[in-house]
Each structure stands twice: as C-alpha cells, then as structure tokens.
Amino acid sequence: MKKNTITLLIAAVVIIVVIAQSFYIVNEEEQVVITQFGRPVGEAVTEAGIQFKIPFIQKANFFDKRYLEWDGDPNQVPTKDKKFIFVDTYARWQITDPLQFYKRLTNERGAQSRLDDILDGETRDFIAKNYLEETVRTSNRTPISSGAISEIVEDSLVQIYVGRDSIQEYIQRSASLQAQDLGIAILDFRFKRINYVEEVRTQVYERMKSERYRIADKFRSEGQGEASRINGEKERELKTIQSEAFRKAEEIKGRADAEAASIYANAYDKNLQSRNLYTFLKSMETFQKTFNSETTVILSTDSELYKYLKSSQ
C-alpha cells in the first residue's frame, strides 16, 4: 500500500510538471518566441492568453511589447569646427519583430549593446558634420526689441541652417534604418544634455560677455543722445517761454505807462492848482530819486528844482 501510494504521488507530480511545462501564459505587455533546442519554431506569439508547447523540448522566450528605454553614456564629441563637447543622449525603442529580434540579438541585453553601437556612432557622425551652433541651438532667434539693440543681437548671432531638433531627427531616422533588420524600431531620440569642455566653455563665456558689453555701450550712447536731444528741446522751449513772457511783460508795462501818462496829462489839464500840485509832486519824486544826504548839486537860479528848494527854506 505504501509503495502504491508513493507511486501515485510520483505520477501525480510528473503529470503536474508535464502539464505545467505544456502550457504558458502570455500577458498583454508580452510577446513570446518558442524555441526547440535553441532554435526558434513557428511564428512569434503576440496575442495574450494561455498557449501550448511541447514540454521539456520547447522553451518560451518572453519579450516586452512596451516601449523600452535606452540611456547612452556621455561622450566627448568633436564638431565640424573642431570644438569638443560632452553629449549625453537617450532614446525609446520597441521590439517590433520578436522572431527576428531573437535571431539577431537573443535578448534585451544584446539589444542594448547593439543600440550603443548604432546610436553612439550616428550621434558622433552627425555632430561631426555640423558646427557647434547647429548642435546647441534649435532655430534662428527673432529679436523682440526694436532699434539698435535688435541690430546688435542679429549681428552677434550666427545664422543656423539645420538646428538641434533636425539633427536629432536625422540621427533617429538613420539609426532606425540600421535597426530594421534587428527586429526593433527606434521611436525617439533626444539629446539629454550638451555641455562644453573647459576650453570651449571659456571661449563661449568670453564671447557672451563681449556681446553684453557691446549692447551696454550701445544703450549708453543711445541714452546720451536721447538725453542731449531732450535737454536741447527743454532749453529751446524754456527760451521760447521766457521770450513770450518778456514780450507780454513789456506790453503790460507799456500799457501801464501809457495809462499813467494819460492820467497825468488829464490831471495837468484840469486847472492851474492841479497843475501846480502835479508839478510839485513830480518835483518831489525827482528829489527823492535823485538826492540823498550825501548828494551835492549845482543848480542855476532859473531851475525848477532850485525854485522849490528856495521856497522850502
């Protein structure tokens, strides 16, 4: 009885193992290539569900169906104008033909190694074909400000004809063509970071400072010219205002003198007593404006002033 029980248990275990080896489950994000003694058999399984295979003889090789990441190592790359820059890149790729992928690369580790060769090589080639400005900048800048400052900015910026985005697209297309026979597709490629080497960084900083100095000097000269123009207009307007005020003041004084003379003439013509009073007042006014305690004068006997002085004694 014990031997029969052990035999049944062993048979059950064997049956369970055989059944377990006969079936496999494919998830939504997976795809499978069946191999027999290391060689692929049939077409790749891309549909999710429970699948069957020959136990112990066939093996299910699972591959990810989702987008995968490739992260490149920073490399020092020369540009067309012989300037070295550090370039750090990344890409997104996908297994589009699992069977071909298994035949050529076997697994994702082999794919990552092959992508290193393809993408790093294409990055080096395309950067070496373009100048530094083409790699760093995306497009030509349009100055927002107007006037002399916009002219300076336009003069200080080198015109580019390719640009960073276009270089990324060229690298992605060329690498994707090379990766077609590997059963993968390169979906996207980007520069993660571009940094200058120390020598180039110093040159760039010096050029940036010189451009800012040029812009600052231009602003100062424009400001001084504008200040001179404003001061000139101010002086001209001030002189105009002063001239107009002086003219009006003289007109008012003239009218006042004429009115005073008219009043004096009317008062002089009224009667003799008024004329004598007028003459006396004018003479006293003349004395007040002409003489003081230290004044010495010589008058003739027929002088009007002498007459009033004599009468006052």
Protein backbone atom coordinates (compact mmCIF):
# COMPACT_ATOMS: atom_id res chain seq x y z
CA MET A 1 0.00 0.00 0.00
CA LYS A 2 2.82 2.39 0.81
CA LYS A 3 4.57 1.61 -2.47
CA ASN A 4 1.37 2.22 -4.43
CA THR A 5 0.82 5.49 -2.63
CA ILE A 6 4.33 6.70 -3.36
CA THR A 7 3.99 5.64 -6.98
CA LEU A 8 0.74 7.55 -7.33
CA LEU A 9 2.26 10.61 -5.73
CA ILE A 10 5.25 10.47 -8.08
CA ALA A 11 2.96 10.02 -11.08
CA ALA A 12 0.83 12.95 -9.98
CA VAL A 13 3.86 15.16 -9.58
CA VAL A 14 5.13 14.12 -13.00
CA ILE A 15 1.75 14.82 -14.56
CA ILE A 16 1.58 18.24 -12.89
CA VAL A 17 5.09 19.08 -14.07
CA VAL A 18 4.29 17.92 -17.61
CA ILE A 19 1.10 19.98 -17.65
CA ALA A 20 2.95 22.98 -16.26
CA GLN A 21 5.61 22.61 -18.92
CA SER A 22 2.98 22.21 -21.64
CA PHE A 23 1.18 25.49 -21.07
CA TYR A 24 2.36 29.10 -20.66
CA ILE A 25 0.55 32.38 -20.17
CA VAL A 26 1.17 35.43 -22.36
CA ASN A 27 0.29 38.78 -20.75
CA GLU A 28 -0.87 41.89 -22.58
CA GLU A 29 2.56 43.54 -22.42
CA GLU A 30 4.46 40.41 -23.54
CA GLN A 31 5.25 38.54 -26.74
CA VAL A 32 6.81 35.07 -27.00
CA VAL A 33 9.14 33.17 -29.28
CA ILE A 34 9.12 29.37 -28.94
CA THR A 35 12.48 27.64 -29.36
CA GLN A 36 13.27 23.97 -29.69
CA PHE A 37 16.80 23.01 -28.76
CA GLY A 38 17.78 26.64 -29.06
CA ARG A 39 16.21 27.22 -32.49
CA PRO A 40 13.01 29.23 -33.00
CA VAL A 41 9.94 27.25 -34.00
CA GLY A 42 6.96 28.72 -35.80
CA GLU A 43 5.81 32.32 -35.61
CA ALA A 44 6.05 34.62 -32.63
CA VAL A 45 3.08 34.69 -30.23
CA THR A 46 1.83 38.23 -29.77
CA GLU A 47 -1.72 37.61 -28.55
CA ALA A 48 -2.41 37.45 -24.83
CA GLY A 49 -3.78 34.23 -23.33
CA ILE A 50 -2.89 30.62 -22.49
CA GLN A 51 -0.68 28.91 -25.09
CA PHE A 52 0.58 25.33 -25.56
CA LYS A 53 4.08 23.98 -26.22
CA ILE A 54 5.83 20.62 -26.14
CA PRO A 55 7.06 20.08 -22.60
CA PHE A 56 10.77 19.84 -21.89
CA ILE A 57 11.64 20.12 -25.57
CA GLN A 58 10.34 23.59 -26.36
CA LYS A 59 11.04 26.76 -24.40
CA ALA A 60 9.06 30.02 -24.25
CA ASN A 61 11.20 33.16 -24.57
CA PHE A 62 9.33 36.23 -23.34
CA PHE A 63 10.00 39.74 -24.69
CA ASP A 64 8.49 43.06 -23.66
CA LYS A 65 5.96 44.54 -26.06
CA ARG A 66 6.07 48.02 -24.48
CA TYR A 67 8.34 50.98 -25.24
CA LEU A 68 11.81 50.40 -23.85
CA GLU A 69 14.46 52.87 -22.73
CA TRP A 70 17.98 53.30 -23.97
CA ASP A 71 20.24 55.63 -21.98
CA GLY A 72 23.57 56.47 -23.59
CA ASP A 73 26.83 57.24 -21.85
CA PRO A 74 28.15 60.83 -22.03
CA ASN A 75 30.78 61.06 -24.75
CA GLN A 76 33.19 63.78 -25.83
CA VAL A 77 32.43 64.51 -29.48
CA PRO A 78 34.11 66.97 -31.90
CA THR A 79 32.00 69.31 -34.03
CA LYS A 80 32.71 70.40 -37.58
CA ASP A 81 34.57 73.49 -36.35
CA LYS A 82 36.84 71.27 -34.19
CA LYS A 83 35.24 72.14 -30.86
CA PHE A 84 34.75 69.32 -28.37
CA ILE A 85 31.51 68.96 -26.43
CA PHE A 86 30.12 66.39 -24.00
CA VAL A 87 26.93 64.82 -25.36
CA ASP A 88 24.52 62.78 -23.23
CA THR A 89 21.66 61.12 -25.13
CA TYR A 90 18.67 58.87 -24.61
CA ALA A 91 16.20 57.04 -26.87
CA ARG A 92 12.99 54.99 -26.84
CA TRP A 93 12.75 51.72 -28.79
CA GLN A 94 10.37 48.81 -29.25
CA ILE A 95 10.59 45.18 -30.32
CA THR A 96 8.51 45.05 -33.49
CA ASP A 97 9.54 41.60 -34.78
CA PRO A 98 10.18 39.22 -31.86
CA LEU A 99 11.33 36.35 -34.08
CA GLN A 100 13.89 38.43 -35.92
CA PHE A 101 14.88 40.06 -32.65
CA TYR A 102 15.63 36.65 -31.12
CA LYS A 103 17.59 35.50 -34.16
CA ARG A 104 19.78 38.59 -34.25
CA LEU A 105 20.04 39.75 -30.63
CA THR A 106 18.72 36.91 -28.43
CA ASN A 107 17.70 39.18 -25.53
CA GLU A 108 17.34 42.80 -24.38
CA ARG A 109 20.91 42.93 -23.09
CA GLY A 110 22.18 42.18 -26.57
CA ALA A 111 19.81 44.82 -27.95
CA GLN A 112 21.12 47.45 -25.55
CA SER A 113 24.70 46.66 -26.59
CA ARG A 114 23.80 46.88 -30.28
CA LEU A 115 21.95 50.16 -29.75
CA ASP A 116 25.05 51.58 -28.07
CA ASP A 117 27.00 50.97 -31.25
CA ILE A 118 24.30 52.32 -33.57
CA LEU A 119 23.15 55.42 -31.69
CA ASP A 120 26.56 56.47 -30.38
CA GLY A 121 28.03 56.09 -33.84
CA GLU A 122 25.25 58.07 -35.54
CA THR A 123 25.47 60.78 -32.87
CA ARG A 124 29.20 61.15 -33.41
CA ASP A 125 28.81 61.22 -37.20
CA PHE A 126 26.06 63.82 -37.36
CA ILE A 127 27.62 66.13 -34.78
CA ALA A 128 30.93 65.95 -36.63
CA LYS A 129 29.12 67.13 -39.78
CA ASN A 130 27.70 70.27 -38.15
CA TYR A 131 29.05 73.35 -36.40
CA LEU A 132 28.74 73.93 -32.68
CA GLU A 133 25.89 76.45 -33.08
CA GLU A 134 23.86 73.96 -35.13
CA THR A 135 24.13 71.39 -32.33
CA VAL A 136 23.30 73.74 -29.47
CA ARG A 137 20.57 75.92 -31.00
CA THR A 138 17.27 74.84 -32.49
CA SER A 139 16.46 77.78 -34.75
CA ASN A 140 17.41 81.35 -35.57
CA ARG A 141 16.25 83.76 -32.88
CA THR A 142 13.89 86.60 -33.65
CA PRO A 143 14.75 89.70 -31.56
CA ILE A 144 11.77 91.00 -29.59
CA SER A 145 13.09 94.53 -29.11
CA SER A 146 13.45 97.04 -31.90
CA GLY A 147 16.04 99.62 -32.82
CA ALA A 148 19.77 99.40 -32.37
CA ILE A 149 19.60 96.62 -29.79
CA SER A 150 17.89 94.28 -32.27
CA GLU A 151 20.57 95.04 -34.85
CA ILE A 152 23.29 94.15 -32.34
CA VAL A 153 21.59 90.88 -31.39
CA GLU A 154 21.11 89.94 -35.03
CA ASP A 155 24.75 90.70 -35.79
CA SER A 156 26.02 88.72 -32.79
CA LEU A 157 24.04 85.55 -33.61
CA VAL A 158 25.35 83.13 -36.21
CA GLN A 159 22.70 82.02 -38.69
CA ILE A 160 21.95 78.30 -38.46
CA TYR A 161 20.51 76.14 -41.21
CA VAL A 162 19.99 72.74 -39.56
CA GLY A 163 19.47 73.11 -35.82
CA ARG A 164 19.41 70.76 -32.85
CA ASP A 165 15.93 69.34 -33.47
CA SER A 166 16.76 68.46 -37.06
CA ILE A 167 19.99 66.73 -36.02
CA GLN A 168 18.02 64.63 -33.53
CA GLU A 169 15.55 63.65 -36.24
CA TYR A 170 18.35 62.74 -38.66
CA ILE A 171 20.03 60.53 -36.03
CA GLN A 172 16.72 58.83 -35.18
CA ARG A 173 15.89 58.10 -38.84
CA SER A 174 19.34 56.82 -39.73
CA ALA A 175 19.57 54.62 -36.63
CA SER A 176 16.05 53.28 -37.19
CA LEU A 177 17.00 52.19 -40.72
CA GLN A 178 20.01 50.31 -39.37
CA ALA A 179 17.88 48.67 -36.67
CA GLN A 180 15.18 47.37 -39.03
CA ASP A 181 16.88 44.03 -39.65
CA LEU A 182 17.24 43.58 -35.88
CA GLY A 183 13.51 43.39 -35.34
CA ILE A 184 13.37 46.66 -33.39
CA ALA A 185 12.23 50.22 -34.13
CA ILE A 186 13.82 53.34 -32.66
CA LEU A 187 10.84 55.53 -31.84
CA ASP A 188 12.52 58.62 -30.46
CA PHE A 189 15.98 60.07 -29.91
CA ARG A 190 16.92 63.14 -27.87
CA PHE A 191 19.94 64.99 -26.54
CA LYS A 192 19.63 64.79 -22.79
CA ARG A 193 22.44 67.25 -22.19
CA ILE A 194 25.12 69.04 -24.18
CA ASN A 195 27.96 70.60 -22.24
CA TYR A 196 31.12 72.38 -23.35
CA VAL A 197 34.58 71.22 -22.48
CA GLU A 198 36.55 73.70 -20.38
CA GLU A 199 38.32 75.40 -23.29
CA VAL A 200 35.14 75.87 -25.32
CA ARG A 201 33.21 76.98 -22.22
CA THR A 202 35.75 79.76 -21.58
CA GLN A 203 35.51 80.94 -25.19
CA VAL A 204 31.72 80.96 -25.06
CA TYR A 205 31.66 82.93 -21.81
CA GLU A 206 34.09 85.50 -23.19
CA ARG A 207 32.02 85.94 -26.32
CA MET A 208 28.85 86.31 -24.25
CA LYS A 209 30.50 88.99 -22.10
CA SER A 210 31.80 90.91 -25.12
CA GLU A 211 28.33 90.87 -26.70
CA ARG A 212 26.76 92.16 -23.49
CA TYR A 213 29.40 94.90 -23.29
CA ARG A 214 28.59 95.91 -26.86
CA ILE A 215 24.89 96.06 -26.09
CA ALA A 216 25.51 98.05 -22.89
CA ASP A 217 27.74 100.57 -24.73
CA LYS A 218 25.12 100.95 -27.44
CA PHE A 219 22.44 101.59 -24.83
CA ARG A 220 24.63 104.17 -23.13
CA SER A 221 25.35 106.03 -26.37
CA GLU A 222 21.66 105.98 -27.31
CA GLY A 223 20.76 107.21 -23.83
CA GLN A 224 23.27 110.04 -24.01
CA GLY A 225 21.99 111.06 -27.43
CA GLU A 226 18.41 110.98 -26.22
CA ALA A 227 19.36 112.99 -23.12
CA SER A 228 21.08 115.63 -25.28
CA ARG A 229 18.01 115.84 -27.52
CA ILE A 230 15.69 116.23 -24.53
CA ASN A 231 17.93 118.87 -22.95
CA GLY A 232 18.06 120.78 -26.25
CA GLU A 233 14.29 120.73 -26.57
CA LYS A 234 14.00 121.82 -22.94
CA GLU A 235 16.33 124.81 -23.47
CA ARG A 236 14.54 125.78 -26.67
CA GLU A 237 11.12 125.60 -25.03
CA LEU A 238 12.42 127.48 -21.99
CA LYS A 239 13.80 130.30 -24.12
CA THR A 240 10.54 130.45 -26.06
CA ILE A 241 8.54 130.68 -22.83
CA GLN A 242 10.88 133.32 -21.39
CA SER A 243 10.77 135.35 -24.61
CA GLU A 244 7.00 135.22 -24.73
CA ALA A 245 6.77 136.16 -21.05
CA PHE A 246 9.17 139.09 -21.56
CA ARG A 247 7.15 140.28 -24.54
CA LYS A 248 3.90 140.16 -22.59
CA ALA A 249 5.54 141.89 -19.61
CA GLU A 250 6.81 144.72 -21.82
CA GLU A 251 3.38 145.08 -23.40
CA ILE A 252 1.78 145.30 -19.97
CA LYS A 253 4.39 147.85 -18.83
CA GLY A 254 3.84 149.85 -21.98
CA ARG A 255 0.10 149.93 -21.48
CA ALA A 256 0.58 150.87 -17.81
CA ASP A 257 2.98 153.72 -18.68
CA ALA A 258 0.61 154.98 -21.34
CA GLU A 259 -2.31 154.87 -18.93
CA ALA A 260 -0.27 156.64 -16.23
CA ALA A 261 0.82 159.32 -18.70
CA SER A 262 -2.77 159.78 -19.75
CA ILE A 263 -3.84 160.18 -16.13
CA TYR A 264 -1.06 162.67 -15.52
CA ALA A 265 -1.98 164.63 -18.64
CA ASN A 266 -5.63 164.76 -17.69
CA ALA A 267 -4.76 165.92 -14.20
CA TYR A 268 -2.40 168.56 -15.61
CA ASP A 269 -5.04 169.94 -17.94
CA LYS A 270 -7.81 170.35 -15.34
CA ASN A 271 -6.75 173.63 -13.67
CA LEU A 272 -3.76 175.61 -12.57
CA GLN A 273 -3.92 174.50 -8.98
CA SER A 274 -3.92 170.89 -10.10
CA ARG A 275 -1.04 171.61 -12.48
CA ASN A 276 0.94 173.23 -9.68
CA LEU A 277 0.23 170.23 -7.43
CA TYR A 278 1.23 167.86 -10.18
CA THR A 279 4.43 169.78 -10.83
CA PHE A 280 5.22 169.84 -7.14
CA LEU A 281 4.62 166.12 -6.71
CA LYS A 282 6.75 165.26 -9.72
CA SER A 283 9.50 167.53 -8.43
CA MET A 284 9.34 165.88 -5.02
CA GLU A 285 9.50 162.49 -6.69
CA THR A 286 12.55 163.65 -8.62
CA PHE A 287 14.18 164.88 -5.39
CA GLN A 288 13.50 161.52 -3.72
CA LYS A 289 15.05 159.54 -6.58
CA THR A 290 17.98 161.90 -7.20
CA PHE A 291 19.20 163.20 -3.83
CA ASN A 292 20.25 161.72 -0.55
CA SER A 293 22.15 163.01 2.50
CA GLU A 294 25.48 162.91 0.66
CA THR A 295 24.38 164.41 -2.68
CA THR A 296 25.91 167.67 -3.89
CA VAL A 297 24.36 169.52 -6.85
CA ILE A 298 24.85 172.82 -8.64
CA LEU A 299 21.61 174.46 -9.82
CA SER A 300 21.01 177.66 -11.74
CA THR A 301 18.63 180.24 -10.38
CA ASP A 302 16.08 179.60 -13.10
CA SER A 303 15.89 175.85 -12.39
CA GLU A 304 12.56 174.48 -11.30
CA LEU A 305 14.27 172.41 -8.63
CA TYR A 306 16.01 175.49 -7.29
CA LYS A 307 12.67 177.26 -7.02
CA TYR A 308 11.22 174.56 -4.74
CA LEU A 309 14.41 174.33 -2.69
CA LYS A 310 14.42 178.11 -2.16
CA SER A 311 10.76 178.15 -1.24
CA SER A 312 11.30 175.29 1.22
CA GLN A 313 13.94 177.38 3.01
